[in-house]
Amino acid sequence: MEEVGVVKSIEGMIAKVSVPRKSVCEGCTAGTCKPDEQSMEIEAINKAKAKVGQRVKVIVKTYTYLSGSIIVYGIPALALITGAIIGKEVFSSQFKDMDPDIISAIFGFGAFLIAFLVIKIWSMTASKKTESKPVIEEILE
């Protein structure tokens, strides 16, 4: 994915770039963006040595984008289904006085919430890694 934006600030090799906001940004957990009304602020590696105020082309690796989407949507859905199945098949016999569907729902949503907490913790550590950050490839005139 390529984005065009304006460099807002620079700290060492990391530049903060303001790019137009898109609908695909809503569920991202990469942790490199800070949403605003009309734009997103992306932290990118300043490979092109851009200066504040310059328009730049920022490259987001497809692997990073796809793996982030799978983590955000796939893991919680899988946890919900797995928790519901385990709750109904394994633990419904432990609670004979309760409806098996209620036990299934409790375990499903419990696993769903645990998955979100794990993803949040993971995203905070992953945002510090430079291999997952976008890169400023070139300065546009």
N, C-alpha and C. Protein backbone atom coordinates (compact mmCIF):
# COMPACT_ATOMS: atom_id res chain seq x y z
N MET A 1 0.84 -1.18 0.00
CA MET A 1 0.00 0.00 0.00
C MET A 1 0.88 1.23 0.00
N GLU A 2 0.50 2.18 -0.82
CA GLU A 2 1.22 3.45 -0.87
C GLU A 2 0.30 4.56 -0.38
N GLU A 3 0.88 5.48 0.36
CA GLU A 3 0.16 6.64 0.85
C GLU A 3 1.01 7.87 0.54
N VAL A 4 0.34 8.99 0.30
CA VAL A 4 1.03 10.26 0.11
C VAL A 4 0.61 11.16 1.26
N GLY A 5 1.61 11.78 1.90
CA GLY A 5 1.30 12.65 3.03
C GLY A 5 2.35 13.71 3.21
N VAL A 6 2.21 14.46 4.30
CA VAL A 6 3.11 15.56 4.61
C VAL A 6 3.79 15.26 5.95
N VAL A 7 5.11 15.45 5.97
CA VAL A 7 5.89 15.21 7.18
C VAL A 7 5.56 16.31 8.20
N LYS A 8 5.13 15.90 9.39
CA LYS A 8 4.77 16.85 10.45
C LYS A 8 5.91 17.06 11.44
N SER A 9 6.64 15.99 11.77
CA SER A 9 7.77 16.11 12.70
C SER A 9 8.73 14.95 12.49
N ILE A 10 9.95 15.14 12.98
CA ILE A 10 10.98 14.11 12.85
C ILE A 10 11.67 13.94 14.20
N GLU A 11 11.83 12.67 14.61
CA GLU A 11 12.56 12.33 15.83
C GLU A 11 13.54 11.22 15.47
N GLY A 12 14.79 11.56 15.27
CA GLY A 12 15.79 10.56 14.87
C GLY A 12 15.47 10.05 13.47
N MET A 13 15.31 8.73 13.34
CA MET A 13 15.00 8.12 12.04
C MET A 13 13.49 7.94 11.82
N ILE A 14 12.69 8.36 12.79
CA ILE A 14 11.23 8.21 12.68
C ILE A 14 10.60 9.56 12.37
N ALA A 15 9.76 9.57 11.34
CA ALA A 15 9.02 10.78 10.97
C ALA A 15 7.54 10.55 11.18
N LYS A 16 6.84 11.58 11.60
CA LYS A 16 5.39 11.52 11.72
C LYS A 16 4.82 12.18 10.48
N VAL A 17 4.01 11.39 9.74
CA VAL A 17 3.48 11.84 8.46
C VAL A 17 1.96 11.88 8.54
N SER A 18 1.37 12.98 8.10
CA SER A 18 -0.09 13.12 8.08
C SER A 18 -0.58 12.70 6.70
N VAL A 19 -1.46 11.67 6.67
CA VAL A 19 -2.02 11.17 5.41
C VAL A 19 -3.54 11.22 5.50
N PRO A 20 -4.24 11.30 4.35
CA PRO A 20 -5.71 11.30 4.38
C PRO A 20 -6.25 10.02 5.00
N ARG A 21 -7.28 10.16 5.80
CA ARG A 21 -7.90 9.01 6.47
C ARG A 21 -8.70 8.20 5.48
N LYS A 22 -8.65 6.86 5.64
CA LYS A 22 -9.39 5.95 4.77
C LYS A 22 -10.25 5.03 5.62
N SER A 23 -11.28 4.42 5.01
CA SER A 23 -12.19 3.55 5.75
C SER A 23 -11.50 2.26 6.21
N VAL A 24 -10.46 1.81 5.51
CA VAL A 24 -9.77 0.58 5.90
C VAL A 24 -8.96 0.74 7.17
N CYS A 25 -8.79 1.96 7.64
CA CYS A 25 -8.00 2.22 8.84
C CYS A 25 -8.77 1.94 10.12
N GLU A 26 -10.07 1.76 10.05
CA GLU A 26 -10.90 1.66 11.24
C GLU A 26 -10.49 0.54 12.19
N GLY A 27 -10.20 -0.66 11.69
CA GLY A 27 -9.92 -1.78 12.57
C GLY A 27 -8.46 -2.13 12.74
N CYS A 28 -7.57 -1.31 12.26
CA CYS A 28 -6.15 -1.63 12.29
C CYS A 28 -5.59 -1.60 13.71
N THR A 29 -4.70 -2.55 14.02
CA THR A 29 -4.06 -2.58 15.34
C THR A 29 -2.55 -2.40 15.24
N ALA A 30 -2.10 -1.94 14.12
CA ALA A 30 -0.65 -1.84 13.96
C ALA A 30 -0.03 -0.89 14.97
N GLY A 31 -0.80 0.07 15.45
CA GLY A 31 -0.29 0.98 16.46
C GLY A 31 0.59 2.08 15.92
N THR A 32 0.71 2.21 14.60
CA THR A 32 1.56 3.25 14.03
C THR A 32 0.78 4.50 13.66
N CYS A 33 -0.53 4.46 13.74
CA CYS A 33 -1.36 5.60 13.35
C CYS A 33 -2.09 6.19 14.55
N LYS A 34 -2.33 7.48 14.45
CA LYS A 34 -3.16 8.15 15.44
C LYS A 34 -4.28 8.85 14.67
N PRO A 35 -5.53 8.36 14.80
CA PRO A 35 -6.62 8.90 14.00
C PRO A 35 -6.99 10.33 14.37
N ASP A 36 -7.40 11.08 13.37
CA ASP A 36 -7.89 12.44 13.51
C ASP A 36 -9.17 12.51 12.70
N GLU A 37 -9.78 13.67 12.60
CA GLU A 37 -11.03 13.81 11.84
C GLU A 37 -10.85 13.46 10.36
N GLN A 38 -9.94 14.12 9.69
CA GLN A 38 -9.77 13.95 8.25
C GLN A 38 -8.47 13.27 7.86
N SER A 39 -7.56 13.08 8.80
CA SER A 39 -6.26 12.51 8.44
C SER A 39 -5.79 11.54 9.53
N MET A 40 -4.74 10.81 9.18
CA MET A 40 -4.10 9.88 10.10
C MET A 40 -2.65 10.31 10.24
N GLU A 41 -2.11 10.17 11.43
CA GLU A 41 -0.70 10.47 11.62
C GLU A 41 0.03 9.14 11.71
N ILE A 42 0.90 8.88 10.75
CA ILE A 42 1.64 7.62 10.67
C ILE A 42 3.08 7.85 11.10
N GLU A 43 3.58 6.94 11.93
CA GLU A 43 5.00 6.95 12.27
C GLU A 43 5.70 6.08 11.24
N ALA A 44 6.65 6.66 10.50
CA ALA A 44 7.32 5.92 9.43
C ALA A 44 8.84 6.11 9.55
N ILE A 45 9.57 5.12 9.07
CA ILE A 45 11.03 5.21 9.02
C ILE A 45 11.39 6.17 7.90
N ASN A 46 12.21 7.15 8.21
CA ASN A 46 12.56 8.22 7.27
C ASN A 46 13.76 7.82 6.40
N LYS A 47 13.55 6.82 5.54
CA LYS A 47 14.60 6.30 4.66
C LYS A 47 15.05 7.35 3.64
N ALA A 48 14.10 8.18 3.18
CA ALA A 48 14.41 9.19 2.15
C ALA A 48 15.00 10.46 2.74
N LYS A 49 15.12 10.53 4.07
CA LYS A 49 15.66 11.71 4.77
C LYS A 49 14.84 12.97 4.46
N ALA A 50 13.54 12.84 4.54
CA ALA A 50 12.63 13.97 4.29
C ALA A 50 12.70 14.95 5.46
N LYS A 51 12.31 16.19 5.17
CA LYS A 51 12.29 17.24 6.18
C LYS A 51 10.84 17.63 6.46
N VAL A 52 10.63 18.31 7.56
CA VAL A 52 9.29 18.74 7.97
C VAL A 52 8.68 19.62 6.88
N GLY A 53 7.41 19.33 6.53
CA GLY A 53 6.68 20.09 5.52
C GLY A 53 6.74 19.50 4.12
N GLN A 54 7.60 18.55 3.87
CA GLN A 54 7.72 17.96 2.54
C GLN A 54 6.63 16.90 2.32
N ARG A 55 6.15 16.82 1.06
CA ARG A 55 5.22 15.76 0.67
C ARG A 55 6.04 14.52 0.37
N VAL A 56 5.59 13.38 0.89
CA VAL A 56 6.35 12.14 0.74
C VAL A 56 5.43 10.98 0.36
N LYS A 57 6.04 9.94 -0.21
CA LYS A 57 5.33 8.69 -0.48
C LYS A 57 5.75 7.69 0.59
N VAL A 58 4.73 7.16 1.30
CA VAL A 58 4.95 6.21 2.38
C VAL A 58 4.47 4.84 1.91
N ILE A 59 5.31 3.83 2.11
CA ILE A 59 4.98 2.45 1.73
C ILE A 59 4.66 1.64 3.00
N VAL A 60 3.49 1.01 2.99
CA VAL A 60 3.12 0.08 4.07
C VAL A 60 3.20 -1.31 3.46
N LYS A 61 4.00 -2.18 4.05
CA LYS A 61 4.18 -3.52 3.51
C LYS A 61 2.86 -4.28 3.53
N THR A 62 2.55 -4.98 2.45
CA THR A 62 1.31 -5.75 2.34
C THR A 62 1.24 -6.82 3.42
N TYR A 63 2.37 -7.44 3.72
CA TYR A 63 2.40 -8.48 4.76
C TYR A 63 1.94 -7.90 6.10
N THR A 64 2.43 -6.73 6.44
CA THR A 64 2.06 -6.10 7.70
C THR A 64 0.57 -5.81 7.74
N TYR A 65 0.04 -5.30 6.64
CA TYR A 65 -1.39 -4.97 6.57
C TYR A 65 -2.25 -6.23 6.66
N LEU A 66 -1.89 -7.28 5.91
CA LEU A 66 -2.68 -8.51 5.91
C LEU A 66 -2.58 -9.25 7.25
N SER A 67 -1.39 -9.31 7.81
CA SER A 67 -1.27 -10.01 9.10
C SER A 67 -2.02 -9.26 10.19
N GLY A 68 -2.01 -7.95 10.13
CA GLY A 68 -2.78 -7.16 11.09
C GLY A 68 -4.27 -7.40 10.96
N SER A 69 -4.76 -7.51 9.73
CA SER A 69 -6.18 -7.78 9.51
C SER A 69 -6.57 -9.16 10.02
N ILE A 70 -5.73 -10.14 9.78
CA ILE A 70 -6.02 -11.50 10.26
C ILE A 70 -6.03 -11.53 11.78
N ILE A 71 -5.09 -10.83 12.39
CA ILE A 71 -5.03 -10.82 13.85
C ILE A 71 -6.25 -10.11 14.44
N VAL A 72 -6.63 -8.98 13.87
CA VAL A 72 -7.74 -8.20 14.42
C VAL A 72 -9.08 -8.90 14.25
N TYR A 73 -9.31 -9.52 13.11
CA TYR A 73 -10.62 -10.12 12.84
C TYR A 73 -10.65 -11.63 13.04
N GLY A 74 -9.61 -12.33 12.66
CA GLY A 74 -9.61 -13.78 12.68
C GLY A 74 -9.48 -14.40 14.06
N ILE A 75 -8.54 -13.91 14.84
CA ILE A 75 -8.31 -14.51 16.15
C ILE A 75 -9.51 -14.34 17.09
N PRO A 76 -10.11 -13.16 17.21
CA PRO A 76 -11.29 -13.06 18.08
C PRO A 76 -12.46 -13.92 17.61
N ALA A 77 -12.67 -14.01 16.30
CA ALA A 77 -13.76 -14.85 15.78
C ALA A 77 -13.49 -16.33 16.11
N LEU A 78 -12.26 -16.75 15.92
CA LEU A 78 -11.89 -18.13 16.24
C LEU A 78 -12.03 -18.40 17.74
N ALA A 79 -11.65 -17.44 18.56
CA ALA A 79 -11.77 -17.60 20.02
C ALA A 79 -13.23 -17.69 20.43
N LEU A 80 -14.10 -16.90 19.82
CA LEU A 80 -15.53 -16.94 20.12
C LEU A 80 -16.11 -18.31 19.82
N ILE A 81 -15.81 -18.82 18.65
CA ILE A 81 -16.34 -20.13 18.24
C ILE A 81 -15.77 -21.24 19.10
N THR A 82 -14.45 -21.22 19.32
CA THR A 82 -13.81 -22.25 20.14
C THR A 82 -14.33 -22.23 21.57
N GLY A 83 -14.44 -21.04 22.15
CA GLY A 83 -14.95 -20.92 23.51
C GLY A 83 -16.38 -21.42 23.63
N ALA A 84 -17.21 -21.13 22.64
CA ALA A 84 -18.60 -21.59 22.65
C ALA A 84 -18.67 -23.12 22.57
N ILE A 85 -17.86 -23.70 21.71
CA ILE A 85 -17.86 -25.17 21.57
C ILE A 85 -17.36 -25.83 22.85
N ILE A 86 -16.26 -25.33 23.40
CA ILE A 86 -15.72 -25.90 24.64
C ILE A 86 -16.72 -25.73 25.78
N GLY A 87 -17.35 -24.56 25.86
CA GLY A 87 -18.34 -24.34 26.91
C GLY A 87 -19.50 -25.31 26.84
N LYS A 88 -19.98 -25.56 25.64
CA LYS A 88 -21.14 -26.45 25.49
C LYS A 88 -20.76 -27.92 25.63
N GLU A 89 -19.68 -28.32 25.01
CA GLU A 89 -19.31 -29.74 24.98
C GLU A 89 -18.62 -30.22 26.25
N VAL A 90 -17.81 -29.37 26.86
CA VAL A 90 -17.01 -29.81 28.00
C VAL A 90 -17.64 -29.39 29.33
N PHE A 91 -17.99 -28.11 29.43
CA PHE A 91 -18.42 -27.59 30.73
C PHE A 91 -19.92 -27.64 30.99
N SER A 92 -20.74 -27.94 30.01
CA SER A 92 -22.18 -28.01 30.26
C SER A 92 -22.52 -29.19 31.17
N SER A 93 -21.72 -30.24 31.16
CA SER A 93 -21.97 -31.38 32.05
C SER A 93 -21.58 -31.05 33.50
N GLN A 94 -20.71 -30.07 33.69
CA GLN A 94 -20.30 -29.65 35.03
C GLN A 94 -21.40 -28.83 35.73
N PHE A 95 -22.17 -28.07 34.92
CA PHE A 95 -23.23 -27.21 35.45
C PHE A 95 -24.58 -27.74 34.96
N LYS A 96 -25.07 -28.79 35.55
CA LYS A 96 -26.28 -29.48 35.09
C LYS A 96 -27.55 -28.64 35.28
N ASP A 97 -27.54 -27.73 36.25
CA ASP A 97 -28.74 -26.94 36.50
C ASP A 97 -28.85 -25.71 35.60
N MET A 98 -27.85 -25.45 34.75
CA MET A 98 -27.88 -24.31 33.83
C MET A 98 -28.12 -24.79 32.40
N ASP A 99 -28.69 -23.91 31.60
CA ASP A 99 -28.93 -24.20 30.19
C ASP A 99 -27.58 -24.29 29.46
N PRO A 100 -27.31 -25.33 28.67
CA PRO A 100 -26.03 -25.48 27.95
C PRO A 100 -25.74 -24.32 26.99
N ASP A 101 -26.79 -23.71 26.45
CA ASP A 101 -26.58 -22.58 25.53
C ASP A 101 -26.06 -21.35 26.27
N ILE A 102 -26.49 -21.15 27.50
CA ILE A 102 -25.99 -20.02 28.29
C ILE A 102 -24.53 -20.24 28.64
N ILE A 103 -24.18 -21.46 29.02
CA ILE A 103 -22.78 -21.79 29.32
C ILE A 103 -21.92 -21.60 28.07
N SER A 104 -22.44 -22.01 26.94
CA SER A 104 -21.74 -21.84 25.67
C SER A 104 -21.49 -20.36 25.39
N ALA A 105 -22.51 -19.53 25.60
CA ALA A 105 -22.38 -18.09 25.36
C ALA A 105 -21.37 -17.46 26.32
N ILE A 106 -21.40 -17.84 27.57
CA ILE A 106 -20.47 -17.28 28.57
C ILE A 106 -19.02 -17.62 28.19
N PHE A 107 -18.77 -18.88 27.86
CA PHE A 107 -17.41 -19.28 27.50
C PHE A 107 -16.98 -18.66 26.17
N GLY A 108 -17.90 -18.56 25.22
CA GLY A 108 -17.57 -17.95 23.93
C GLY A 108 -17.18 -16.49 24.07
N PHE A 109 -18.01 -15.72 24.78
CA PHE A 109 -17.70 -14.30 24.95
C PHE A 109 -16.50 -14.09 25.87
N GLY A 110 -16.31 -14.99 26.83
CA GLY A 110 -15.12 -14.91 27.67
C GLY A 110 -13.84 -15.09 26.86
N ALA A 111 -13.84 -16.09 25.99
CA ALA A 111 -12.67 -16.32 25.13
C ALA A 111 -12.47 -15.16 24.16
N PHE A 112 -13.57 -14.59 23.68
CA PHE A 112 -13.53 -13.43 22.78
C PHE A 112 -12.84 -12.25 23.47
N LEU A 113 -13.22 -11.94 24.70
CA LEU A 113 -12.62 -10.83 25.44
C LEU A 113 -11.15 -11.09 25.76
N ILE A 114 -10.83 -12.32 26.13
CA ILE A 114 -9.43 -12.66 26.39
C ILE A 114 -8.59 -12.48 25.13
N ALA A 115 -9.13 -12.88 23.98
CA ALA A 115 -8.41 -12.71 22.71
C ALA A 115 -8.14 -11.23 22.44
N PHE A 116 -9.13 -10.37 22.70
CA PHE A 116 -8.91 -8.94 22.48
C PHE A 116 -7.85 -8.38 23.42
N LEU A 117 -7.82 -8.81 24.66
CA LEU A 117 -6.79 -8.35 25.59
C LEU A 117 -5.40 -8.79 25.14
N VAL A 118 -5.29 -10.03 24.69
CA VAL A 118 -4.00 -10.53 24.20
C VAL A 118 -3.56 -9.75 22.97
N ILE A 119 -4.49 -9.46 22.06
CA ILE A 119 -4.16 -8.69 20.85
C ILE A 119 -3.72 -7.27 21.21
N LYS A 120 -4.37 -6.66 22.18
CA LYS A 120 -4.00 -5.31 22.60
C LYS A 120 -2.58 -5.29 23.16
N ILE A 121 -2.26 -6.25 24.00
CA ILE A 121 -0.91 -6.34 24.57
C ILE A 121 0.11 -6.60 23.46
N TRP A 122 -0.23 -7.49 22.54
CA TRP A 122 0.68 -7.79 21.42
C TRP A 122 0.90 -6.56 20.55
N SER A 123 -0.17 -5.80 20.29
CA SER A 123 -0.03 -4.63 19.40
C SER A 123 0.83 -3.55 20.03
N MET A 124 0.82 -3.44 21.35
CA MET A 124 1.68 -2.45 22.00
C MET A 124 3.15 -2.82 21.85
N THR A 125 3.47 -4.10 21.91
CA THR A 125 4.87 -4.51 21.73
C THR A 125 5.26 -4.51 20.25
N ALA A 126 4.33 -4.85 19.37
CA ALA A 126 4.65 -4.90 17.93
C ALA A 126 4.86 -3.50 17.35
N SER A 127 4.22 -2.49 17.91
CA SER A 127 4.36 -1.13 17.38
C SER A 127 5.76 -0.58 17.60
N LYS A 128 6.53 -1.17 18.51
CA LYS A 128 7.89 -0.72 18.79
C LYS A 128 8.91 -1.32 17.84
N LYS A 129 8.53 -2.35 17.10
CA LYS A 129 9.45 -3.01 16.17
C LYS A 129 9.51 -2.23 14.87
N THR A 130 10.72 -2.04 14.36
CA THR A 130 10.88 -1.23 13.14
C THR A 130 10.49 -2.00 11.88
N GLU A 131 10.56 -3.34 11.89
CA GLU A 131 10.23 -4.08 10.67
C GLU A 131 8.74 -4.01 10.33
N SER A 132 7.91 -3.62 11.28
CA SER A 132 6.48 -3.52 11.00
C SER A 132 6.06 -2.08 10.69
N LYS A 133 6.99 -1.14 10.73
CA LYS A 133 6.65 0.26 10.49
C LYS A 133 6.64 0.58 9.00
N PRO A 134 5.81 1.52 8.60
CA PRO A 134 5.84 2.02 7.21
C PRO A 134 7.18 2.72 6.95
N VAL A 135 7.51 2.87 5.67
CA VAL A 135 8.79 3.47 5.27
C VAL A 135 8.52 4.62 4.29
N ILE A 136 9.20 5.76 4.50
CA ILE A 136 9.14 6.87 3.53
C ILE A 136 10.12 6.52 2.41
N GLU A 137 9.57 6.24 1.24
CA GLU A 137 10.38 5.79 0.10
C GLU A 137 10.94 6.95 -0.71
N GLU A 138 10.13 8.00 -0.90
CA GLU A 138 10.63 9.11 -1.71
C GLU A 138 9.97 10.41 -1.35
N ILE A 139 10.64 11.51 -1.68
CA ILE A 139 10.13 12.85 -1.46
C ILE A 139 9.47 13.31 -2.75
N LEU A 140 8.25 13.80 -2.67
CA LEU A 140 7.51 14.28 -3.84
C LEU A 140 7.59 15.80 -3.90
N GLU A 141 7.63 16.32 -5.08
CA GLU A 141 7.73 17.78 -5.25
C GLU A 141 6.41 18.39 -5.61
